[in-house]
């Protein structure tokens, strides 16, 4: 990544957004509107802000645990359960 010019960074830091405007501030829209003024910072911000938040993986893990700990498997050792879940998630 190219070195960020001090002028761009300093200009960004000097921006003042009134407190009341934070409530409706859409960061992706703001960076799109200001990408000519801050081209390097805008690319970095857009690449970070476009990552979707997801809980699918953690939900699958908890679902997998509940599917593997049944009345017949209540005595499964934790390390064996970890191995079983790891094997299933990597198949």
PDB file of N, CA and C in Angstrom:
ATOM      1  N   UNK A   1       0.852  -1.176   0.000  1.00  0.00           N
ATOM      2  CA  UNK A   1       0.000   0.000   0.000  1.00  0.00           C
ATOM      3  C   UNK A   1       0.897   1.237   0.000  1.00  0.00           C
ATOM      4  N   UNK A   2       0.566   2.229  -0.819  1.00  0.00           N
ATOM      5  CA  UNK A   2       1.410   3.427  -0.885  1.00  0.00           C
ATOM      6  C   UNK A   2       1.369   4.216   0.421  1.00  0.00           C
ATOM      7  N   UNK A   3       2.426   4.979   0.636  1.00  0.00           N
ATOM      8  CA  UNK A   3       2.479   5.822   1.827  1.00  0.00           C
ATOM      9  C   UNK A   3       1.373   6.880   1.764  1.00  0.00           C
ATOM     10  N   UNK A   4       0.693   7.073   2.864  1.00  0.00           N
ATOM     11  CA  UNK A   4      -0.374   8.056   2.934  1.00  0.00           C
ATOM     12  C   UNK A   4       0.252   9.444   3.077  1.00  0.00           C
ATOM     13  N   UNK A   5      -0.219  10.360   2.284  1.00  0.00           N
ATOM     14  CA  UNK A   5       0.280  11.724   2.373  1.00  0.00           C
ATOM     15  C   UNK A   5      -0.190  12.349   3.682  1.00  0.00           C
ATOM     16  N   UNK A   6       0.687  13.092   4.318  1.00  0.00           N
ATOM     17  CA  UNK A   6       0.319  13.743   5.573  1.00  0.00           C
ATOM     18  C   UNK A   6      -0.833  14.713   5.359  1.00  0.00           C
ATOM     19  N   UNK A   7      -0.860  15.386   4.218  1.00  0.00           N
ATOM     20  CA  UNK A   7      -1.921  16.356   3.966  1.00  0.00           C
ATOM     21  C   UNK A   7      -3.297  15.692   4.002  1.00  0.00           C
ATOM     22  N   UNK A   8      -3.408  14.505   3.399  1.00  0.00           N
ATOM     23  CA  UNK A   8      -4.696  13.803   3.378  1.00  0.00           C
ATOM     24  C   UNK A   8      -5.109  13.405   4.789  1.00  0.00           C
ATOM     25  N   UNK A   9      -4.209  12.823   5.528  1.00  0.00           N
ATOM     26  CA  UNK A   9      -4.506  12.395   6.890  1.00  0.00           C
ATOM     27  C   UNK A   9      -4.839  13.594   7.784  1.00  0.00           C
ATOM     28  N   UNK A  10      -4.019  14.606   7.711  1.00  0.00           N
ATOM     29  CA  UNK A  10      -4.246  15.783   8.552  1.00  0.00           C
ATOM     30  C   UNK A  10      -5.565  16.463   8.203  1.00  0.00           C
ATOM     31  N   UNK A  11      -5.900  16.505   6.922  1.00  0.00           N
ATOM     32  CA  UNK A  11      -7.189  17.086   6.513  1.00  0.00           C
ATOM     33  C   UNK A  11      -8.344  16.284   7.090  1.00  0.00           C
ATOM     34  N   UNK A  12      -8.197  14.962   7.086  1.00  0.00           N
ATOM     35  CA  UNK A  12      -9.250  14.110   7.627  1.00  0.00           C
ATOM     36  C   UNK A  12      -9.408  14.321   9.129  1.00  0.00           C
ATOM     37  N   UNK A  13      -8.295  14.374   9.844  1.00  0.00           N
ATOM     38  CA  UNK A  13      -8.324  14.546  11.299  1.00  0.00           C
ATOM     39  C   UNK A  13      -8.938  15.889  11.680  1.00  0.00           C
ATOM     40  N   UNK A  14      -8.750  16.878  10.839  1.00  0.00           N
ATOM     41  CA  UNK A  14      -9.264  18.220  11.136  1.00  0.00           C
ATOM     42  C   UNK A  14     -10.760  18.387  10.873  1.00  0.00           C
ATOM     43  N   UNK A  15     -11.410  17.385  10.283  1.00  0.00           N
ATOM     44  CA  UNK A  15     -12.843  17.488   9.992  1.00  0.00           C
ATOM     45  C   UNK A  15     -13.634  17.500  11.298  1.00  0.00           C
ATOM     46  N   UNK A  16     -14.624  18.361  11.356  1.00  0.00           N
ATOM     47  CA  UNK A  16     -15.508  18.421  12.524  1.00  0.00           C
ATOM     48  C   UNK A  16     -16.923  18.084  12.074  1.00  0.00           C
ATOM     49  N   UNK A  17     -17.465  17.011  12.621  1.00  0.00           N
ATOM     50  CA  UNK A  17     -18.849  16.624  12.337  1.00  0.00           C
ATOM     51  C   UNK A  17     -19.640  16.875  13.608  1.00  0.00           C
ATOM     52  N   UNK A  18     -20.651  17.739  13.536  1.00  0.00           N
ATOM     53  CA  UNK A  18     -21.452  18.026  14.737  1.00  0.00           C
ATOM     54  C   UNK A  18     -22.036  16.746  15.338  1.00  0.00           C
ATOM     55  N   UNK A  19     -22.081  16.690  16.653  1.00  0.00           N
ATOM     56  CA  UNK A  19     -22.519  15.495  17.373  1.00  0.00           C
ATOM     57  C   UNK A  19     -23.879  15.001  16.913  1.00  0.00           C
ATOM     58  N   UNK A  20     -24.823  15.870  16.670  1.00  0.00           N
ATOM     59  CA  UNK A  20     -26.157  15.447  16.252  1.00  0.00           C
ATOM     60  C   UNK A  20     -26.191  14.724  14.918  1.00  0.00           C
ATOM     61  N   UNK A  21     -25.177  14.912  14.098  1.00  0.00           N
ATOM     62  CA  UNK A  21     -25.143  14.269  12.782  1.00  0.00           C
ATOM     63  C   UNK A  21     -24.617  12.845  12.836  1.00  0.00           C
ATOM     64  N   UNK A  22     -24.074  12.401  13.952  1.00  0.00           N
ATOM     65  CA  UNK A  22     -23.567  11.041  14.063  1.00  0.00           C
ATOM     66  C   UNK A  22     -24.678  10.001  13.971  1.00  0.00           C
ATOM     67  N   UNK A  23     -25.868  10.347  14.443  1.00  0.00           N
ATOM     68  CA  UNK A  23     -26.960   9.382  14.502  1.00  0.00           C
ATOM     69  C   UNK A  23     -27.325   8.815  13.135  1.00  0.00           C
ATOM     70  N   UNK A  24     -27.347   9.662  12.111  1.00  0.00           N
ATOM     71  CA  UNK A  24     -27.755   9.224  10.783  1.00  0.00           C
ATOM     72  C   UNK A  24     -26.577   9.067   9.825  1.00  0.00           C
ATOM     73  N   UNK A  25     -25.375   9.011  10.342  1.00  0.00           N
ATOM     74  CA  UNK A  25     -24.180   8.961   9.503  1.00  0.00           C
ATOM     75  C   UNK A  25     -23.969   7.551   8.963  1.00  0.00           C
ATOM     76  N   UNK A  26     -24.045   7.411   7.631  1.00  0.00           N
ATOM     77  CA  UNK A  26     -23.746   6.146   6.969  1.00  0.00           C
ATOM     78  C   UNK A  26     -22.300   6.243   6.490  1.00  0.00           C
ATOM     79  N   UNK A  27     -21.421   5.479   7.108  1.00  0.00           N
ATOM     80  CA  UNK A  27     -19.994   5.619   6.841  1.00  0.00           C
ATOM     81  C   UNK A  27     -19.613   5.284   5.407  1.00  0.00           C
ATOM     82  N   UNK A  28     -20.219   4.255   4.817  1.00  0.00           N
ATOM     83  CA  UNK A  28     -19.900   3.925   3.425  1.00  0.00           C
ATOM     84  C   UNK A  28     -20.296   5.057   2.485  1.00  0.00           C
ATOM     85  N   UNK A  29     -21.452   5.652   2.712  1.00  0.00           N
ATOM     86  CA  UNK A  29     -21.897   6.780   1.887  1.00  0.00           C
ATOM     87  C   UNK A  29     -20.976   7.971   2.092  1.00  0.00           C
ATOM     88  N   UNK A  30     -20.585   8.238   3.333  1.00  0.00           N
ATOM     89  CA  UNK A  30     -19.701   9.363   3.617  1.00  0.00           C
ATOM     90  C   UNK A  30     -18.373   9.211   2.882  1.00  0.00           C
ATOM     91  N   UNK A  31     -17.797   8.002   2.947  1.00  0.00           N
ATOM     92  CA  UNK A  31     -16.519   7.784   2.274  1.00  0.00           C
ATOM     93  C   UNK A  31     -16.665   7.855   0.759  1.00  0.00           C
ATOM     94  N   UNK A  32     -17.785   7.395   0.220  1.00  0.00           N
ATOM     95  CA  UNK A  32     -18.014   7.501  -1.224  1.00  0.00           C
ATOM     96  C   UNK A  32     -18.071   8.967  -1.639  1.00  0.00           C
ATOM     97  N   UNK A  33     -18.765   9.787  -0.868  1.00  0.00           N
ATOM     98  CA  UNK A  33     -18.878  11.215  -1.179  1.00  0.00           C
ATOM     99  C   UNK A  33     -17.537  11.938  -1.035  1.00  0.00           C
ATOM    100  N   UNK A  34     -16.669  11.446  -0.185  1.00  0.00           N
ATOM    101  CA  UNK A  34     -15.413  12.132   0.113  1.00  0.00           C
ATOM    102  C   UNK A  34     -14.173  11.437  -0.445  1.00  0.00           C
ATOM    103  N   UNK A  35     -14.365  10.477  -1.361  1.00  0.00           N
ATOM    104  CA  UNK A  35     -13.202   9.740  -1.842  1.00  0.00           C
ATOM    105  C   UNK A  35     -12.282  10.569  -2.739  1.00  0.00           C
ATOM    106  N   UNK A  36     -12.783  11.631  -3.343  1.00  0.00           N
ATOM    107  CA  UNK A  36     -11.890  12.506  -4.119  1.00  0.00           C
ATOM    108  C   UNK A  36     -10.974  13.302  -3.197  1.00  0.00           C
ATOM    109  N   UNK A  37     -11.507  13.697  -2.052  1.00  0.00           N
ATOM    110  CA  UNK A  37     -10.730  14.474  -1.094  1.00  0.00           C
ATOM    111  C   UNK A  37      -9.724  13.592  -0.349  1.00  0.00           C
ATOM    112  N   UNK A  38     -10.130  12.341  -0.054  1.00  0.00           N
ATOM    113  CA  UNK A  38      -9.301  11.400   0.699  1.00  0.00           C
ATOM    114  C   UNK A  38      -9.188  10.063  -0.042  1.00  0.00           C
ATOM    115  N   UNK A  39      -8.517  10.004  -1.193  1.00  0.00           N
ATOM    116  CA  UNK A  39      -8.522   8.785  -2.001  1.00  0.00           C
ATOM    117  C   UNK A  39      -7.915   7.560  -1.317  1.00  0.00           C
ATOM    118  N   UNK A  40      -6.827   7.740  -0.607  1.00  0.00           N
ATOM    119  CA  UNK A  40      -6.176   6.595   0.038  1.00  0.00           C
ATOM    120  C   UNK A  40      -6.977   6.137   1.250  1.00  0.00           C
ATOM    121  N   UNK A  41      -7.358   7.075   2.093  1.00  0.00           N
ATOM    122  CA  UNK A  41      -8.158   6.724   3.273  1.00  0.00           C
ATOM    123  C   UNK A  41      -9.498   6.122   2.871  1.00  0.00           C
ATOM    124  N   UNK A  42     -10.093   6.629   1.801  1.00  0.00           N
ATOM    125  CA  UNK A  42     -11.386   6.107   1.347  1.00  0.00           C
ATOM    126  C   UNK A  42     -11.270   4.647   0.925  1.00  0.00           C
ATOM    127  N   UNK A  43     -10.203   4.299   0.222  1.00  0.00           N
ATOM    128  CA  UNK A  43     -10.017   2.895  -0.190  1.00  0.00           C
ATOM    129  C   UNK A  43      -9.867   1.983   1.019  1.00  0.00           C
ATOM    130  N   UNK A  44      -9.099   2.431   1.989  1.00  0.00           N
ATOM    131  CA  UNK A  44      -8.899   1.628   3.198  1.00  0.00           C
ATOM    132  C   UNK A  44     -10.222   1.481   3.955  1.00  0.00           C
ATOM    133  N   UNK A  45     -10.919   2.582   4.150  1.00  0.00           N
ATOM    134  CA  UNK A  45     -12.184   2.548   4.896  1.00  0.00           C
ATOM    135  C   UNK A  45     -13.221   1.685   4.182  1.00  0.00           C
ATOM    136  N   UNK A  46     -13.336   1.834   2.869  1.00  0.00           N
ATOM    137  CA  UNK A  46     -14.320   1.057   2.113  1.00  0.00           C
ATOM    138  C   UNK A  46     -14.000  -0.433   2.150  1.00  0.00           C
ATOM    139  N   UNK A  47     -12.716  -0.776   2.098  1.00  0.00           N
ATOM    140  CA  UNK A  47     -12.354  -2.200   2.146  1.00  0.00           C
ATOM    141  C   UNK A  47     -12.674  -2.812   3.505  1.00  0.00           C
ATOM    142  N   UNK A  48     -12.560  -2.020   4.568  1.00  0.00           N
ATOM    143  CA  UNK A  48     -12.866  -2.526   5.912  1.00  0.00           C
ATOM    144  C   UNK A  48     -14.378  -2.534   6.158  1.00  0.00           C
ATOM    145  N   UNK A  49     -15.054  -1.468   5.764  1.00  0.00           N
ATOM    146  CA  UNK A  49     -16.482  -1.344   6.060  1.00  0.00           C
ATOM    147  C   UNK A  49     -17.362  -2.250   5.207  1.00  0.00           C
ATOM    148  N   UNK A  50     -16.853  -2.758   4.094  1.00  0.00           N
ATOM    149  CA  UNK A  50     -17.684  -3.591   3.227  1.00  0.00           C
ATOM    150  C   UNK A  50     -17.729  -5.041   3.683  1.00  0.00           C
ATOM    151  N   UNK A  51     -16.954  -5.413   4.695  1.00  0.00           N
ATOM    152  CA  UNK A  51     -16.955  -6.790   5.186  1.00  0.00           C
ATOM    153  C   UNK A  51     -18.258  -7.042   5.940  1.00  0.00           C
ATOM    154  N   UNK A  52     -19.080  -7.996   5.459  1.00  0.00           N
ATOM    155  CA  UNK A  52     -20.359  -8.232   6.132  1.00  0.00           C
ATOM    156  C   UNK A  52     -20.182  -8.912   7.490  1.00  0.00           C
ATOM    157  N   UNK A  53     -20.946  -8.490   8.440  1.00  0.00           N
ATOM    158  CA  UNK A  53     -20.936  -9.130   9.754  1.00  0.00           C
ATOM    159  C   UNK A  53     -21.728 -10.425   9.649  1.00  0.00           C
ATOM    160  N   UNK A  54     -21.206 -11.476  10.226  1.00  0.00           N
ATOM    161  CA  UNK A  54     -21.886 -12.763  10.130  1.00  0.00           C
ATOM    162  C   UNK A  54     -21.662 -13.565  11.396  1.00  0.00           C
ATOM    163  N   UNK A  55     -22.694 -14.253  11.801  1.00  0.00           N
ATOM    164  CA  UNK A  55     -22.572 -15.134  12.954  1.00  0.00           C
ATOM    165  C   UNK A  55     -22.821 -16.574  12.549  1.00  0.00           C
ATOM    166  N   UNK A  56     -22.850 -16.840  11.243  1.00  0.00           N
ATOM    167  CA  UNK A  56     -23.139 -18.190  10.758  1.00  0.00           C
ATOM    168  C   UNK A  56     -22.191 -19.239  11.314  1.00  0.00           C
ATOM    169  N   UNK A  57     -20.893 -18.927  11.302  1.00  0.00           N
ATOM    170  CA  UNK A  57     -19.922 -19.912  11.750  1.00  0.00           C
ATOM    171  C   UNK A  57     -20.119 -20.262  13.219  1.00  0.00           C
ATOM    172  N   UNK A  58     -20.302 -19.259  14.071  1.00  0.00           N
ATOM    173  CA  UNK A  58     -20.491 -19.550  15.489  1.00  0.00           C
ATOM    174  C   UNK A  58     -21.804 -20.288  15.727  1.00  0.00           C
ATOM    175  N   UNK A  59     -22.836 -19.948  14.962  1.00  0.00           N
ATOM    176  CA  UNK A  59     -24.111 -20.661  15.108  1.00  0.00           C
ATOM    177  C   UNK A  59     -23.960 -22.121  14.702  1.00  0.00           C
ATOM    178  N   UNK A  60     -23.174 -22.382  13.665  1.00  0.00           N
ATOM    179  CA  UNK A  60     -22.954 -23.762  13.239  1.00  0.00           C
ATOM    180  C   UNK A  60     -22.204 -24.553  14.296  1.00  0.00           C
ATOM    181  N   UNK A  61     -21.251 -23.915  14.950  1.00  0.00           N
ATOM    182  CA  UNK A  61     -20.488 -24.603  15.996  1.00  0.00           C
ATOM    183  C   UNK A  61     -21.412 -24.989  17.140  1.00  0.00           C
ATOM    184  N   UNK A  62     -22.231 -24.039  17.616  1.00  0.00           N
ATOM    185  CA  UNK A  62     -23.139 -24.350  18.718  1.00  0.00           C
ATOM    186  C   UNK A  62     -24.177 -25.385  18.313  1.00  0.00           C
ATOM    187  N   UNK A  63     -24.629 -25.312  17.078  1.00  0.00           N
ATOM    188  CA  UNK A  63     -25.580 -26.304  16.581  1.00  0.00           C
ATOM    189  C   UNK A  63     -24.914 -27.671  16.540  1.00  0.00           C
ATOM    190  N   UNK A  64     -23.666 -27.701  16.090  1.00  0.00           N
ATOM    191  CA  UNK A  64     -22.930 -28.961  16.029  1.00  0.00           C
ATOM    192  C   UNK A  64     -22.730 -29.569  17.398  1.00  0.00           C
ATOM    193  N   UNK A  65     -22.454 -28.743  18.384  1.00  0.00           N
ATOM    194  CA  UNK A  65     -22.271 -29.235  19.754  1.00  0.00           C
ATOM    195  C   UNK A  65     -23.568 -29.849  20.262  1.00  0.00           C
ATOM    196  N   UNK A  66     -24.675 -29.144  20.056  1.00  0.00           N
ATOM    197  CA  UNK A  66     -25.951 -29.677  20.565  1.00  0.00           C
ATOM    198  C   UNK A  66     -26.367 -30.943  19.825  1.00  0.00           C
ATOM    199  N   UNK A  67     -25.953 -31.076  18.580  1.00  0.00           N
ATOM    200  CA  UNK A  67     -26.267 -32.300  17.830  1.00  0.00           C
ATOM    201  C   UNK A  67     -25.396 -33.464  18.265  1.00  0.00           C
ATOM    202  N   UNK A  68     -24.245 -33.189  18.828  1.00  0.00           N
ATOM    203  CA  UNK A  68     -23.324 -34.252  19.226  1.00  0.00           C
ATOM    204  C   UNK A  68     -23.403 -34.603  20.701  1.00  0.00           C
ATOM    205  N   UNK A  69     -23.925 -33.720  21.520  1.00  0.00           N
ATOM    206  CA  UNK A  69     -24.103 -34.042  22.931  1.00  0.00           C
ATOM    207  C   UNK A  69     -25.558 -34.450  23.115  1.00  0.00           C
ATOM    208  N   UNK A  70     -25.758 -35.723  23.119  1.00  0.00           N
ATOM    209  CA  UNK A  70     -27.102 -36.275  23.279  1.00  0.00           C
ATOM    210  C   UNK A  70     -27.132 -37.101  24.566  1.00  0.00           C
ATOM    211  N   UNK A  71     -28.290 -37.664  24.885  1.00  0.00           N
ATOM    212  CA  UNK A  71     -28.405 -38.496  26.087  1.00  0.00           C
ATOM    213  C   UNK A  71     -27.450 -39.688  26.026  1.00  0.00           C
ATOM    214  N   UNK A  72     -27.197 -40.190  24.815  1.00  0.00           N
ATOM    215  CA  UNK A  72     -26.298 -41.342  24.676  1.00  0.00           C
ATOM    216  C   UNK A  72     -24.829 -40.929  24.767  1.00  0.00           C
ATOM    217  N   UNK A  73     -24.540 -39.654  24.552  1.00  0.00           N
ATOM    218  CA  UNK A  73     -23.150 -39.192  24.534  1.00  0.00           C
ATOM    219  C   UNK A  73     -22.841 -38.216  25.674  1.00  0.00           C
ATOM    220  N   UNK A  74     -23.518 -38.302  26.762  1.00  0.00           N
ATOM    221  CA  UNK A  74     -23.285 -37.345  27.851  1.00  0.00           C
ATOM    222  C   UNK A  74     -21.931 -37.532  28.519  1.00  0.00           C
ATOM    223  N   UNK A  75     -21.313 -38.674  28.342  1.00  0.00           N
ATOM    224  CA  UNK A  75     -20.028 -38.947  28.992  1.00  0.00           C
ATOM    225  C   UNK A  75     -18.851 -38.754  28.042  1.00  0.00           C
ATOM    226  N   UNK A  76     -19.086 -38.138  26.906  1.00  0.00           N
ATOM    227  CA  UNK A  76     -18.004 -37.890  25.952  1.00  0.00           C
ATOM    228  C   UNK A  76     -17.014 -36.898  26.560  1.00  0.00           C
ATOM    229  N   UNK A  77     -15.762 -37.243  26.491  1.00  0.00           N
ATOM    230  CA  UNK A  77     -14.721 -36.359  27.018  1.00  0.00           C
ATOM    231  C   UNK A  77     -14.621 -35.106  26.153  1.00  0.00           C
ATOM    232  N   UNK A  78     -14.341 -33.961  26.769  1.00  0.00           N
ATOM    233  CA  UNK A  78     -14.255 -32.713  26.001  1.00  0.00           C
ATOM    234  C   UNK A  78     -13.275 -32.779  24.829  1.00  0.00           C
ATOM    235  N   UNK A  79     -12.105 -33.425  25.033  1.00  0.00           N
ATOM    236  CA  UNK A  79     -11.140 -33.503  23.926  1.00  0.00           C
ATOM    237  C   UNK A  79     -11.658 -34.367  22.778  1.00  0.00           C
ATOM    238  N   UNK A  80     -12.444 -35.385  23.097  1.00  0.00           N
ATOM    239  CA  UNK A  80     -13.029 -36.197  22.035  1.00  0.00           C
ATOM    240  C   UNK A  80     -14.120 -35.434  21.291  1.00  0.00           C
ATOM    241  N   UNK A  81     -14.877 -34.648  22.022  1.00  0.00           N
ATOM    242  CA  UNK A  81     -15.902 -33.824  21.389  1.00  0.00           C
ATOM    243  C   UNK A  81     -15.251 -32.785  20.477  1.00  0.00           C
ATOM    244  N   UNK A  82     -14.151 -32.183  20.938  1.00  0.00           N
ATOM    245  CA  UNK A  82     -13.412 -31.227  20.103  1.00  0.00           C
ATOM    246  C   UNK A  82     -12.920 -31.889  18.824  1.00  0.00           C
ATOM    247  N   UNK A  83     -12.389 -33.096  18.929  1.00  0.00           N
ATOM    248  CA  UNK A  83     -11.907 -33.822  17.747  1.00  0.00           C
ATOM    249  C   UNK A  83     -13.059 -34.130  16.796  1.00  0.00           C
ATOM    250  N   UNK A  84     -14.174 -34.544  17.343  1.00  0.00           N
ATOM    251  CA  UNK A  84     -15.343 -34.857  16.531  1.00  0.00           C
ATOM    252  C   UNK A  84     -15.844 -33.620  15.777  1.00  0.00           C
ATOM    253  N   UNK A  85     -15.951 -32.492  16.487  1.00  0.00           N
ATOM    254  CA  UNK A  85     -16.402 -31.259  15.845  1.00  0.00           C
ATOM    255  C   UNK A  85     -15.401 -30.759  14.818  1.00  0.00           C
ATOM    256  N   UNK A  86     -14.109 -30.869  15.108  1.00  0.00           N
ATOM    257  CA  UNK A  86     -13.078 -30.453  14.163  1.00  0.00           C
ATOM    258  C   UNK A  86     -13.144 -31.312  12.899  1.00  0.00           C
ATOM    259  N   UNK A  87     -13.316 -32.596  13.082  1.00  0.00           N
ATOM    260  CA  UNK A  87     -13.404 -33.501  11.929  1.00  0.00           C
ATOM    261  C   UNK A  87     -14.616 -33.164  11.071  1.00  0.00           C
ATOM    262  N   UNK A  88     -15.755 -32.955  11.704  1.00  0.00           N
ATOM    263  CA  UNK A  88     -16.967 -32.635  10.953  1.00  0.00           C
ATOM    264  C   UNK A  88     -16.861 -31.290  10.229  1.00  0.00           C
ATOM    265  N   UNK A  89     -16.216 -30.316  10.841  1.00  0.00           N
ATOM    266  CA  UNK A  89     -16.129 -28.998  10.212  1.00  0.00           C
ATOM    267  C   UNK A  89     -15.124 -28.980   9.077  1.00  0.00           C
ATOM    268  N   UNK A  90     -14.218 -29.945   9.018  1.00  0.00           N
ATOM    269  CA  UNK A  90     -13.203 -29.976   7.964  1.00  0.00           C
ATOM    270  C   UNK A  90     -13.463 -31.015   6.886  1.00  0.00           C
ATOM    271  N   UNK A  91     -14.598 -31.638   6.919  1.00  0.00           N
ATOM    272  CA  UNK A  91     -14.920 -32.637   5.884  1.00  0.00           C
ATOM    273  C   UNK A  91     -15.496 -31.937   4.681  1.00  0.00           C
TER     274      UNK A  91
END
